[in-house]
C-alpha atoms as a PDB file:
ATOM      1  CA  MET A   1      11.266   1.960  30.120  1.00  0.00           C
ATOM      2  CA  PRO A   2      12.497   5.230  29.455  1.00  0.00           C
ATOM      3  CA  ALA A   3      13.567   6.951  32.425  1.00  0.00           C
ATOM      4  CA  ILE A   4      15.344  10.108  31.620  1.00  0.00           C
ATOM      5  CA  VAL A   5      12.999  13.342  31.572  1.00  0.00           C
ATOM      6  CA  ASP A   6      15.443  16.264  32.141  1.00  0.00           C
ATOM      7  CA  PHE A   7      19.408  16.694  31.983  1.00  0.00           C
ATOM      8  CA  PRO A   8      21.262  16.220  35.106  1.00  0.00           C
ATOM      9  CA  THR A   9      22.564  19.580  36.789  1.00  0.00           C
ATOM     10  CA  VAL A  10      26.220  18.532  35.653  1.00  0.00           C
ATOM     11  CA  VAL A  11      25.117  18.477  31.868  1.00  0.00           C
ATOM     12  CA  GLN A  12      23.112  21.508  32.372  1.00  0.00           C
ATOM     13  CA  ASP A  13      25.995  23.257  33.780  1.00  0.00           C
ATOM     14  CA  ALA A  14      28.333  22.061  30.932  1.00  0.00           C
ATOM     15  CA  LEU A  15      25.546  23.476  28.396  1.00  0.00           C
ATOM     16  CA  THR A  16      26.514  27.036  29.944  1.00  0.00           C
ATOM     17  CA  ILE A  17      30.116  26.433  29.527  1.00  0.00           C
ATOM     18  CA  PHE A  18      30.021  24.961  25.850  1.00  0.00           C
ATOM     19  CA  GLY A  19      26.670  25.812  24.383  1.00  0.00           C
ATOM     20  CA  ASP A  20      27.711  28.506  22.338  1.00  0.00           C
ATOM     21  CA  LEU A  21      29.855  26.275  20.468  1.00  0.00           C
ATOM     22  CA  PHE A  22      26.527  25.000  18.629  1.00  0.00           C
ATOM     23  CA  ASP A  23      24.752  27.648  16.582  1.00  0.00           C
ATOM     24  CA  THR A  24      21.031  26.284  17.125  1.00  0.00           C
ATOM     25  CA  GLU A  25      19.111  25.071  20.035  1.00  0.00           C
ATOM     26  CA  PRO A  26      18.272  21.477  18.551  1.00  0.00           C
ATOM     27  CA  ALA A  27      22.154  21.023  18.233  1.00  0.00           C
ATOM     28  CA  ARG A  28      22.757  22.213  21.791  1.00  0.00           C
ATOM     29  CA  HIS A  29      20.050  19.744  23.003  1.00  0.00           C
ATOM     30  CA  HIS A  30      21.549  16.793  21.193  1.00  0.00           C
ATOM     31  CA  PHE A  31      24.881  17.916  22.576  1.00  0.00           C
ATOM     32  CA  ALA A  32      23.213  17.468  26.131  1.00  0.00           C
ATOM     33  CA  GLU A  33      21.759  14.398  25.287  1.00  0.00           C
ATOM     34  CA  TYR A  34      24.851  12.713  24.086  1.00  0.00           C
ATOM     35  CA  LEU A  35      26.675  13.961  27.344  1.00  0.00           C
ATOM     36  CA  THR A  36      23.978  12.549  29.689  1.00  0.00           C
ATOM     37  CA  GLY A  37      23.476   9.189  27.789  1.00  0.00           C
ATOM     38  CA  LEU A  38      27.602   8.719  27.981  1.00  0.00           C
ATOM     39  CA  MET A  39      26.978   8.950  31.879  1.00  0.00           C
ATOM     40  CA  VAL A  40      24.045   7.043  32.468  1.00  0.00           C
ATOM     41  CA  ALA A  41      22.741   5.098  29.836  1.00  0.00           C
ATOM     42  CA  GLU A  42      23.342   1.190  29.750  1.00  0.00           C
ATOM     43  CA  ASN A  43      24.080   0.955  25.995  1.00  0.00           C
ATOM     44  CA  LYS A  44      26.036   3.841  24.986  1.00  0.00           C
ATOM     45  CA  THR A  45      25.444   3.721  21.000  1.00  0.00           C
ATOM     46  CA  VAL A  46      23.396   6.425  19.370  1.00  0.00           C
ATOM     47  CA  SER A  47      20.266   4.378  19.423  1.00  0.00           C
ATOM     48  CA  GLY A  48      20.731   3.210  22.797  1.00  0.00           C
ATOM     49  CA  ILE A  49      21.267   6.890  24.146  1.00  0.00           C
ATOM     50  CA  ASN A  50      18.345   7.739  22.438  1.00  0.00           C
ATOM     51  CA  ARG A  51      16.079   5.163  23.696  1.00  0.00           C
ATOM     52  CA  GLU A  52      16.833   6.543  27.648  1.00  0.00           C
ATOM     53  CA  PHE A  53      14.882   9.618  26.922  1.00  0.00           C
ATOM     54  CA  ALA A  54      10.963   9.656  27.571  1.00  0.00           C
ATOM     55  CA  LEU A  55      10.676  12.595  25.037  1.00  0.00           C
ATOM     56  CA  THR A  56      12.924  12.558  22.026  1.00  0.00           C
ATOM     57  CA  THR A  57      13.241  12.740  18.354  1.00  0.00           C
ATOM     58  CA  ASP A  58      13.882   9.817  16.303  1.00  0.00           C
ATOM     59  CA  GLN A  59      17.471   8.408  16.850  1.00  0.00           C
ATOM     60  CA  SER A  60      18.409   9.595  13.014  1.00  0.00           C
ATOM     61  CA  CYS A  61      18.326  12.939  14.116  1.00  0.00           C
ATOM     62  CA  LEU A  62      20.982  12.239  17.039  1.00  0.00           C
ATOM     63  CA  ASN A  63      23.063  10.456  14.521  1.00  0.00           C
ATOM     64  CA  ARG A  64      22.907  13.005  11.823  1.00  0.00           C
ATOM     65  CA  TRP A  65      24.118  15.483  14.491  1.00  0.00           C
ATOM     66  CA  LEU A  66      27.010  13.217  15.471  1.00  0.00           C
ATOM     67  CA  THR A  67      28.094  12.453  11.792  1.00  0.00           C
ATOM     68  CA  GLU A  68      26.950  15.256   9.576  1.00  0.00           C
ATOM     69  CA  VAL A  69      25.904  18.907  11.170  1.00  0.00           C
ATOM     70  CA  GLU A  70      28.356  21.208  11.285  1.00  0.00           C
ATOM     71  CA  TRP A  71      30.140  21.992  14.324  1.00  0.00           C
ATOM     72  CA  ASP A  72      33.798  22.190  15.808  1.00  0.00           C
ATOM     73  CA  VAL A  73      35.262  19.434  17.575  1.00  0.00           C
ATOM     74  CA  THR A  74      38.719  21.147  18.231  1.00  0.00           C
ATOM     75  CA  ALA A  75      36.737  24.000  19.684  1.00  0.00           C
ATOM     76  CA  LEU A  76      35.123  21.923  21.918  1.00  0.00           C
ATOM     77  CA  ASN A  77      38.290  20.350  23.030  1.00  0.00           C
ATOM     78  CA  ASP A  78      40.130  23.718  23.632  1.00  0.00           C
ATOM     79  CA  ARG A  79      37.268  24.929  25.803  1.00  0.00           C
ATOM     80  CA  ARG A  80      37.260  21.925  27.812  1.00  0.00           C
ATOM     81  CA  LEU A  81      40.916  22.406  28.233  1.00  0.00           C
ATOM     82  CA  ALA A  82      40.273  26.014  29.365  1.00  0.00           C
ATOM     83  CA  TRP A  83      37.784  25.274  31.623  1.00  0.00           C
ATOM     84  CA  LEU A  84      40.046  22.912  33.540  1.00  0.00           C
ATOM     85  CA  GLN A  85      42.408  25.525  34.247  1.00  0.00           C
ATOM     86  CA  GLN A  86      39.882  27.330  36.386  1.00  0.00           C
ATOM     87  CA  ALA A  87      39.893  24.933  39.371  1.00  0.00           C
ATOM     88  CA  PRO A  88      43.180  24.316  41.328  1.00  0.00           C
ATOM     89  CA  GLN A  89      43.254  20.469  41.391  1.00  0.00           C
ATOM     90  CA  THR A  90      43.093  20.307  37.711  1.00  0.00           C
ATOM     91  CA  ARG A  91      45.070  23.223  36.735  1.00  0.00           C
ATOM     92  CA  TYR A  92      48.463  22.863  34.686  1.00  0.00           C
ATOM     93  CA  SER A  93      51.863  22.703  36.832  1.00  0.00           C
ATOM     94  CA  VAL A  94      55.556  22.644  36.505  1.00  0.00           C
ATOM     95  CA  ARG A  95      55.300  19.687  38.426  1.00  0.00           C
ATOM     96  CA  GLY A  96      52.501  18.128  36.030  1.00  0.00           C
ATOM     97  CA  VAL A  97      53.036  14.961  33.637  1.00  0.00           C
ATOM     98  CA  ILE A  98      52.140  14.794  30.280  1.00  0.00           C
ATOM     99  CA  ALA A  99      51.684  10.884  29.419  1.00  0.00           C
ATOM    100  CA  ILE A 100      51.783   9.577  26.053  1.00  0.00           C
ATOM    101  CA  ASP A 101      50.554   5.880  25.541  1.00  0.00           C
ATOM    102  CA  ASN A 102      48.035   4.224  23.051  1.00  0.00           C
ATOM    103  CA  THR A 103      44.741   2.092  23.538  1.00  0.00           C
ATOM    104  CA  LEU A 104      42.828  -0.326  21.530  1.00  0.00           C
ATOM    105  CA  VAL A 105      39.117   0.594  21.110  1.00  0.00           C
ATOM    106  CA  THR A 106      37.226  -2.428  19.989  1.00  0.00           C
ATOM    107  CA  HIS A 107      34.517  -2.412  17.854  1.00  0.00           C
ATOM    108  CA  GLU A 108      31.701  -4.845  16.595  1.00  0.00           C
ATOM    109  CA  GLY A 109      31.661  -3.441  12.858  1.00  0.00           C
ATOM    110  CA  LYS A 110      34.042  -4.200  10.087  1.00  0.00           C
ATOM    111  CA  LEU A 111      32.924  -1.369   8.200  1.00  0.00           C
ATOM    112  CA  ILE A 112      33.594   1.584  10.519  1.00  0.00           C
ATOM    113  CA  GLU A 113      36.320   4.018   9.142  1.00  0.00           C
ATOM    114  CA  ASP A 114      39.968   3.328  10.059  1.00  0.00           C
ATOM    115  CA  VAL A 115      39.041  -0.011  12.061  1.00  0.00           C
ATOM    116  CA  GLY A 116      41.672  -2.783  11.537  1.00  0.00           C
ATOM    117  CA  TRP A 117      42.774  -6.078  12.977  1.00  0.00           C
ATOM    118  CA  PHE A 118      45.186  -5.295  15.838  1.00  0.00           C
ATOM    119  CA  TRP A 119      46.808  -7.643  18.331  1.00  0.00           C
ATOM    120  CA  ASP A 120      45.644  -7.148  21.913  1.00  0.00           C
ATOM    121  CA  HIS A 121      48.418  -8.193  24.222  1.00  0.00           C
ATOM    122  CA  ALA A 122      45.811  -8.045  27.366  1.00  0.00           C
ATOM    123  CA  ASP A 123      43.624 -10.577  25.654  1.00  0.00           C
ATOM    124  CA  GLN A 124      46.319 -12.457  23.354  1.00  0.00           C
ATOM    125  CA  ARG A 125      44.321 -12.324  20.419  1.00  0.00           C
ATOM    126  CA  HIS A 126      43.481 -10.225  17.399  1.00  0.00           C
ATOM    127  CA  VAL A 127      40.595  -7.693  17.732  1.00  0.00           C
ATOM    128  CA  ILE A 128      38.879  -5.397  15.396  1.00  0.00           C
ATOM    129  CA  ALA A 129      39.536  -2.065  16.732  1.00  0.00           C
ATOM    130  CA  HIS A 130      40.636   1.828  16.348  1.00  0.00           C
ATOM    131  CA  ASP A 131      43.960   2.286  17.729  1.00  0.00           C
ATOM    132  CA  TYR A 132      44.356   5.711  19.395  1.00  0.00           C
ATOM    133  CA  LEU A 133      47.295   7.336  20.648  1.00  0.00           C
ATOM    134  CA  ILE A 134      46.651   9.778  23.476  1.00  0.00           C
ATOM    135  CA  SER A 135      48.212  12.397  25.479  1.00  0.00           C
ATOM    136  CA  ASN A 136      46.913  12.628  29.168  1.00  0.00           C
ATOM    137  CA  TYR A 137      47.568  14.837  31.812  1.00  0.00           C
ATOM    138  CA  VAL A 138      48.228  14.324  35.370  1.00  0.00           C
ATOM    139  CA  CYS A 139      48.178  17.143  37.673  1.00  0.00           C
ATOM    140  CA  PRO A 140      50.214  17.180  41.112  1.00  0.00           C
ATOM    141  CA  SER A 141      46.896  16.563  42.957  1.00  0.00           C
ATOM    142  CA  LYS A 142      46.559  13.439  40.813  1.00  0.00           C
ATOM    143  CA  ALA A 143      43.691  14.445  38.855  1.00  0.00           C
ATOM    144  CA  HIS A 144      44.197  13.426  35.368  1.00  0.00           C
ATOM    145  CA  TYR A 145      42.348  14.140  31.807  1.00  0.00           C
ATOM    146  CA  PRO A 146      43.147  13.782  28.188  1.00  0.00           C
ATOM    147  CA  ILE A 147      45.014  16.409  26.237  1.00  0.00           C
ATOM    148  CA  GLU A 148      44.586  15.009  22.755  1.00  0.00           C
ATOM    149  CA  TRP A 149      44.221  12.158  20.546  1.00  0.00           C
ATOM    150  CA  ARG A 150      45.398  10.900  17.187  1.00  0.00           C
ATOM    151  CA  ARG A 151      43.755   7.907  15.485  1.00  0.00           C
ATOM    152  CA  PHE A 152      46.504   5.458  13.851  1.00  0.00           C
ATOM    153  CA  LYS A 153      45.410   4.286  10.185  1.00  0.00           C
ATOM    154  CA  LYS A 154      47.045   1.261   8.642  1.00  0.00           C
ATOM    155  CA  ARG A 155      49.393   1.898   5.581  1.00  0.00           C
ATOM    156  CA  ALA A 156      46.891  -0.125   3.416  1.00  0.00           C
ATOM    157  CA  ALA A 157      43.886   2.240   4.169  1.00  0.00           C
ATOM    158  CA  CYS A 158      46.070   5.407   3.522  1.00  0.00           C
ATOM    159  CA  ASP A 159      46.144   7.645   0.531  1.00  0.00           C
ATOM    160  CA  GLU A 160      49.957   7.445  -1.128  1.00  0.00           C
ATOM    161  CA  GLY A 161      52.198   9.969   0.959  1.00  0.00           C
ATOM    162  CA  THR A 162      49.508  10.288   4.053  1.00  0.00           C
ATOM    163  CA  PHE A 163      50.686   7.369   5.941  1.00  0.00           C
ATOM    164  CA  LYS A 164      51.656   8.223   9.799  1.00  0.00           C
ATOM    165  CA  ASP A 165      53.477   5.612  11.728  1.00  0.00           C
ATOM    166  CA  HIS A 166      53.131   5.823  15.697  1.00  0.00           C
ATOM    167  CA  THR A 167      56.359   7.867  16.049  1.00  0.00           C
ATOM    168  CA  GLU A 168      54.746  10.470  13.884  1.00  0.00           C
ATOM    169  CA  LEU A 169      51.832  10.561  15.870  1.00  0.00           C
ATOM    170  CA  CYS A 170      53.407  10.654  18.875  1.00  0.00           C
ATOM    171  CA  ILE A 171      55.472  13.573  17.685  1.00  0.00           C
ATOM    172  CA  GLU A 172      52.434  15.472  16.839  1.00  0.00           C
ATOM    173  CA  LEU A 173      50.970  14.663  20.211  1.00  0.00           C
ATOM    174  CA  ILE A 174      54.121  16.261  22.036  1.00  0.00           C
ATOM    175  CA  ASP A 175      54.228  19.324  19.685  1.00  0.00           C
ATOM    176  CA  ASP A 176      50.398  19.747  20.550  1.00  0.00           C
ATOM    177  CA  ALA A 177      51.126  19.688  24.210  1.00  0.00           C
ATOM    178  CA  LEU A 178      54.112  22.359  23.712  1.00  0.00           C
ATOM    179  CA  LYS A 179      51.912  24.497  21.296  1.00  0.00           C
ATOM    180  CA  ARG A 180      49.516  24.747  24.134  1.00  0.00           C
ATOM    181  CA  GLY A 181      52.069  25.845  26.572  1.00  0.00           C
ATOM    182  CA  ILE A 182      51.220  22.846  28.805  1.00  0.00           C
ATOM    183  CA  PRO A 183      54.130  22.755  31.667  1.00  0.00           C
ATOM    184  CA  GLY A 184      55.371  19.379  32.811  1.00  0.00           C
ATOM    185  CA  ALA A 185      57.613  16.255  31.895  1.00  0.00           C
ATOM    186  CA  PHE A 186      56.826  13.927  29.191  1.00  0.00           C
ATOM    187  CA  THR A 187      56.574  10.215  30.062  1.00  0.00           C
ATOM    188  CA  PHE A 188      55.845   7.079  27.549  1.00  0.00           C
ATOM    189  CA  ASP A 189      56.298   3.437  27.655  1.00  0.00           C
ATOM    190  CA  SER A 190      59.420   1.736  25.572  1.00  0.00           C
ATOM    191  CA  SER A 191      57.137   1.848  22.400  1.00  0.00           C
ATOM    192  CA  PHE A 192      57.806   5.488  22.309  1.00  0.00           C
ATOM    193  CA  THR A 193      61.611   5.895  23.373  1.00  0.00           C
ATOM    194  CA  SER A 194      63.179   5.649  19.830  1.00  0.00           C
ATOM    195  CA  ALA A 195      65.826   7.968  19.044  1.00  0.00           C
ATOM    196  CA  LYS A 196      63.494  10.348  17.067  1.00  0.00           C
ATOM    197  CA  ILE A 197      61.145  10.932  19.764  1.00  0.00           C
ATOM    198  CA  LEU A 198      63.746  11.501  22.514  1.00  0.00           C
ATOM    199  CA  ASN A 199      66.015  13.934  20.092  1.00  0.00           C
ATOM    200  CA  HIS A 200      62.913  15.847  19.275  1.00  0.00           C
ATOM    201  CA  ILE A 201      61.696  16.522  22.788  1.00  0.00           C
ATOM    202  CA  GLN A 202      65.455  17.531  23.874  1.00  0.00           C
ATOM    203  CA  ARG A 203      65.469  19.986  20.753  1.00  0.00           C
ATOM    204  CA  LYS A 204      62.294  21.525  22.164  1.00  0.00           C
ATOM    205  CA  GLN A 205      63.947  21.967  25.506  1.00  0.00           C
ATOM    206  CA  ALA A 206      61.643  20.162  27.131  1.00  0.00           C
ATOM    207  CA  ALA A 207      61.827  16.845  29.986  1.00  0.00           C
ATOM    208  CA  TYR A 208      61.131  13.279  29.339  1.00  0.00           C
ATOM    209  CA  VAL A 209      61.152  10.083  31.300  1.00  0.00           C
ATOM    210  CA  GLY A 210      60.703   7.076  29.625  1.00  0.00           C
ATOM    211  CA  ASP A 211      60.604   3.185  30.053  1.00  0.00           C
ATOM    212  CA  LEU A 212      63.579   1.795  28.322  1.00  0.00           C
ATOM    213  CA  LYS A 213      63.905  -2.137  27.112  1.00  0.00           C
ATOM    214  CA  LEU A 214      66.654  -4.085  28.631  1.00  0.00           C
ATOM    215  CA  ASN A 215      67.741  -5.323  25.079  1.00  0.00           C
ATOM    216  CA  ARG A 216      68.231  -1.672  24.346  1.00  0.00           C
ATOM    217  CA  LYS A 217      71.914  -1.058  23.238  1.00  0.00           C
ATOM    218  CA  VAL A 218      73.888   1.772  24.987  1.00  0.00           C
ATOM    219  CA  VAL A 219      77.340   2.800  25.335  1.00  0.00           C
ATOM    220  CA  TYR A 220      78.642   1.881  28.747  1.00  0.00           C
ATOM    221  CA  GLY A 221      82.381   0.862  29.639  1.00  0.00           C
ATOM    222  CA  GLY A 222      83.754   2.143  26.370  1.00  0.00           C
ATOM    223  CA  ARG A 223      81.658  -0.187  24.221  1.00  0.00           C
ATOM    224  CA  GLU A 224      78.070  -0.716  22.695  1.00  0.00           C
ATOM    225  CA  GLN A 225      76.302  -3.182  24.565  1.00  0.00           C
ATOM    226  CA  LYS A 226      72.919  -4.373  25.452  1.00  0.00           C
ATOM    227  CA  LEU A 227      71.406  -2.856  28.859  1.00  0.00           C
ATOM    228  CA  GLN A 228      70.878  -6.193  30.558  1.00  0.00           C
ATOM    229  CA  GLU A 229      74.559  -7.218  29.909  1.00  0.00           C
ATOM    230  CA  VAL A 230      75.288  -3.724  31.804  1.00  0.00           C
ATOM    231  CA  ALA A 231      72.961  -4.650  34.712  1.00  0.00           C
ATOM    232  CA  ARG A 232      75.068  -8.037  35.055  1.00  0.00           C
ATOM    233  CA  GLN A 233      78.150  -6.098  35.450  1.00  0.00           C
ATOM    234  CA  ILE A 234      76.685  -3.851  38.623  1.00  0.00           C
ATOM    235  CA  PRO A 235      78.489  -5.124  41.590  1.00  0.00           C
ATOM    236  CA  TRP A 236      76.195  -5.711  44.768  1.00  0.00           C
ATOM    237  CA  GLU A 237      77.528  -2.507  46.701  1.00  0.00           C
ATOM    238  CA  ALA A 238      76.725  -0.217  43.963  1.00  0.00           C
ATOM    239  CA  LYS A 239      72.908  -0.967  44.318  1.00  0.00           C
ATOM    240  CA  LYS A 240      71.051   1.538  46.271  1.00  0.00           C
ATOM    241  CA  PRO A 241      67.386   0.895  47.869  1.00  0.00           C
ATOM    242  CA  VAL A 242      64.582   2.780  47.029  1.00  0.00           C
ATOM    243  CA  ARG A 243      60.950   2.449  48.164  1.00  0.00           C
ATOM    244  CA  MET A 244      57.886   2.577  45.955  1.00  0.00           C
ATOM    245  CA  GLY A 245      54.894   2.087  48.034  1.00  0.00           C
ATOM    246  CA  ASN A 246      55.426  -0.986  50.391  1.00  0.00           C
ATOM    247  CA  THR A 247      58.021  -2.405  48.175  1.00  0.00           C
ATOM    248  CA  ARG A 248      62.030  -1.821  48.174  1.00  0.00           C
ATOM    249  CA  TYR A 249      63.725  -2.144  44.991  1.00  0.00           C
ATOM    250  CA  TRP A 250      67.540  -1.621  44.403  1.00  0.00           C
ATOM    251  CA  TYR A 251      68.790   0.726  41.680  1.00  0.00           C
ATOM    252  CA  PHE A 252      72.096   2.060  39.943  1.00  0.00           C
ATOM    253  CA  ARG A 253      72.050   5.180  37.765  1.00  0.00           C
ATOM    254  CA  LYS A 254      74.565   6.468  35.515  1.00  0.00           C
ATOM    255  CA  GLN A 255      74.690   8.940  32.864  1.00  0.00           C
ATOM    256  CA  MET A 256      75.310   6.937  29.421  1.00  0.00           C
ATOM    257  CA  ARG A 257      74.941   7.294  25.677  1.00  0.00           C
ATOM    258  CA  ILE A 258      72.457   5.631  23.458  1.00  0.00           C
ATOM    259  CA  PRO A 259      73.311   5.160  19.743  1.00  0.00           C
ATOM    260  CA  ASP A 260      71.610   7.535  17.529  1.00  0.00           C
ATOM    261  CA  VAL A 261      70.392   9.861  20.711  1.00  0.00           C
ATOM    262  CA  THR A 262      72.287  13.107  20.144  1.00  0.00           C
ATOM    263  CA  HIS A 263      72.245  14.302  23.602  1.00  0.00           C
ATOM    264  CA  PRO A 264      73.760  12.720  26.975  1.00  0.00           C
ATOM    265  CA  VAL A 265      70.839  10.782  29.202  1.00  0.00           C
ATOM    266  CA  ARG A 266      70.687   9.756  32.884  1.00  0.00           C
ATOM    267  CA  ILE A 267      69.515   5.759  33.035  1.00  0.00           C
ATOM    268  CA  VAL A 268      68.264   4.025  36.158  1.00  0.00           C
ATOM    269  CA  LEU A 269      68.548   0.270  36.269  1.00  0.00           C
ATOM    270  CA  PHE A 270      66.283  -1.275  38.845  1.00  0.00           C
ATOM    271  CA  TRP A 271      66.153  -4.960  40.351  1.00  0.00           C
ATOM    272  CA  ARG A 272      63.757  -6.594  42.587  1.00  0.00           C
ATOM    273  CA  GLU A 273      66.542  -8.033  44.934  1.00  0.00           C
ATOM    274  CA  ARG A 274      69.838  -6.960  45.653  1.00  0.00           C
ATOM    275  CA  SER A 275      71.479 -10.116  44.890  1.00  0.00           C
ATOM    276  CA  ASP A 276      69.828 -10.151  41.479  1.00  0.00           C
ATOM    277  CA  GLN A 277      71.675 -10.212  38.449  1.00  0.00           C
ATOM    278  CA  GLU A 278      69.137  -9.468  35.779  1.00  0.00           C
ATOM    279  CA  ALA A 279      67.568  -6.093  36.027  1.00  0.00           C
ATOM    280  CA  SER A 280      63.629  -5.922  36.064  1.00  0.00           C
ATOM    281  CA  LYS A 281      62.923  -2.443  34.354  1.00  0.00           C
ATOM    282  CA  ALA A 282      65.142   0.672  33.309  1.00  0.00           C
ATOM    283  CA  LEU A 283      63.960   4.219  33.209  1.00  0.00           C
ATOM    284  CA  VAL A 284      65.902   7.038  30.847  1.00  0.00           C
ATOM    285  CA  SER A 285      65.748  10.735  31.312  1.00  0.00           C
ATOM    286  CA  ASN A 286      67.107  13.932  29.735  1.00  0.00           C
ATOM    287  CA  ARG A 287      67.051  15.509  33.148  1.00  0.00           C
ATOM    288  CA  LEU A 288      70.853  14.455  34.110  1.00  0.00           C
ATOM    289  CA  GLY A 289      70.265  16.154  37.655  1.00  0.00           C
ATOM    290  CA  TRP A 290      66.947  14.343  38.917  1.00  0.00           C
ATOM    291  CA  GLU A 291      67.138  12.225  41.715  1.00  0.00           C
ATOM    292  CA  VAL A 292      65.724   8.517  40.987  1.00  0.00           C
ATOM    293  CA  ILE A 293      62.509   9.158  43.192  1.00  0.00           C
ATOM    294  CA  ARG A 294      61.620  12.072  40.808  1.00  0.00           C
ATOM    295  CA  MET A 295      61.962   9.984  37.612  1.00  0.00           C
ATOM    296  CA  VAL A 296      60.045   7.441  39.293  1.00  0.00           C
ATOM    297  CA  LEU A 297      56.961   9.567  40.462  1.00  0.00           C
ATOM    298  CA  VAL A 298      56.777  11.316  37.060  1.00  0.00           C
ATOM    299  CA  TYR A 299      56.770   7.984  35.062  1.00  0.00           C
ATOM    300  CA  ARG A 300      54.653   6.046  37.921  1.00  0.00           C
ATOM    301  CA  HIS A 301      52.083   9.392  37.832  1.00  0.00           C
ATOM    302  CA  GLY A 302      51.756   9.112  34.117  1.00  0.00           C
ATOM    303  CA  TRP A 303      50.452   5.559  33.940  1.00  0.00           C
ATOM    304  CA  THR A 304      48.339   5.848  37.179  1.00  0.00           C
ATOM    305  CA  GLY A 305      46.456   8.705  35.219  1.00  0.00           C
ATOM    306  CA  THR A 306      46.532   7.187  31.790  1.00  0.00           C
ATOM    307  CA  GLU A 307      45.394   3.684  32.863  1.00  0.00           C
ATOM    308  CA  THR A 308      42.625   5.255  34.987  1.00  0.00           C
ATOM    309  CA  PHE A 309      41.441   7.005  31.986  1.00  0.00           C
ATOM    310  CA  HIS A 310      41.461   4.050  29.714  1.00  0.00           C
ATOM    311  CA  ARG A 311      39.624   1.989  32.049  1.00  0.00           C
ATOM    312  CA  ASP A 312      37.052   4.561  32.925  1.00  0.00           C
ATOM    313  CA  GLY A 313      36.483   5.868  29.175  1.00  0.00           C
ATOM    314  CA  LYS A 314      36.009   2.028  28.043  1.00  0.00           C
ATOM    315  CA  GLN A 315      33.849   0.746  31.157  1.00  0.00           C
ATOM    316  CA  GLN A 316      31.941   3.766  32.165  1.00  0.00           C
ATOM    317  CA  LEU A 317      31.776   6.149  29.289  1.00  0.00           C
ATOM    318  CA  GLY A 318      31.365   4.157  26.244  1.00  0.00           C
ATOM    319  CA  LEU A 319      34.391   4.843  24.261  1.00  0.00           C
ATOM    320  CA  GLY A 320      34.333   1.868  22.574  1.00  0.00           C
ATOM    321  CA  ASP A 321      30.408   1.649  22.031  1.00  0.00           C
ATOM    322  CA  CYS A 322      29.928   4.105  19.115  1.00  0.00           C
ATOM    323  CA  GLN A 323      29.450   2.479  15.993  1.00  0.00           C
ATOM    324  CA  VAL A 324      28.855   4.575  13.382  1.00  0.00           C
ATOM    325  CA  ARG A 325      30.540   4.001  10.227  1.00  0.00           C
ATOM    326  CA  SER A 326      31.783   7.757   9.791  1.00  0.00           C
ATOM    327  CA  GLY A 327      35.280   8.516  10.858  1.00  0.00           C
ATOM    328  CA  GLU A 328      34.197  12.084  11.724  1.00  0.00           C
ATOM    329  CA  GLY A 329      31.464  10.504  13.926  1.00  0.00           C
ATOM    330  CA  GLN A 330      33.992   8.081  15.527  1.00  0.00           C
ATOM    331  CA  THR A 331      36.195  11.353  16.262  1.00  0.00           C
ATOM    332  CA  ARG A 332      33.605  13.447  17.706  1.00  0.00           C
ATOM    333  CA  HIS A 333      32.596  10.472  19.918  1.00  0.00           C
ATOM    334  CA  VAL A 334      35.999  10.132  21.405  1.00  0.00           C
ATOM    335  CA  TYR A 335      35.998  14.012  22.211  1.00  0.00           C
ATOM    336  CA  LEU A 336      32.528  13.924  23.700  1.00  0.00           C
ATOM    337  CA  VAL A 337      33.796  10.950  26.072  1.00  0.00           C
ATOM    338  CA  SER A 338      36.447  13.299  27.012  1.00  0.00           C
ATOM    339  CA  ALA A 339      34.191  15.915  27.812  1.00  0.00           C
ATOM    340  CA  ALA A 340      32.036  13.397  29.675  1.00  0.00           C
END
């Protein structure tokens, strides 16, 4: 039985903040319906959201609002980010972290624009999905929220000359954050620590902390060698303790050079036990004076926020539930999930 007879207070407040971005009362009503459905509907498809309301129009009206009616999704996202700056716990800070990651948003339909078969490392199988890159902001208060999104499109589905790989999309997200004047350090996993991305951030005079694969080549001891080979050469007495939560690790830090990276970097190697020969992890930063604990906090805060948003977006707010075939509709759905 339909249960929703009025919009929740939080959605009514959202209408006050975002309502003027929609030029008709029906459009504002659909905005409120969609936000409400993302928060409380069991089935967060267009038809599932529509069914939750006691009094509503045909589901095709909500579908057209999502896919065809003219409204500016960029303006919605800009307004959301500006609104978040009003509260101290969500305000930008020089101690904030801008985390960049990609996430697979699985779908049932094969005819949705830009979907493809992708390898899901978590489930160890191929899935039909959108591959999204996301920039996510984590405040010193540990509050976190998405900044911007980019949807990866496979080369075979692109018109000639329009294909963008993950590196190009990552750089777009970096430039977007810098254009918005968002302070803080960038962080990302090893899939984004390419020389092109690191050099780009350095040219923009921004800070980064990235995860570095242990088979990555560096210049150490006057010759080029893999990072894990460097780790085996570090003597026992050179490893220093650092505590992360209740766990103690051992680390060694040194300024090194990475081939094709045009600036010096500080690399930190970590071992689980001081007697271990094989390192368990490595971080890299262009901030040569940062202490190891600051590098660790930037990296950990980034992934705490990003992984939490991915989980909440998919499990609680229907990030992957939208089944409309239109690419524009899918884009709007993602930004509405961000607003929710």
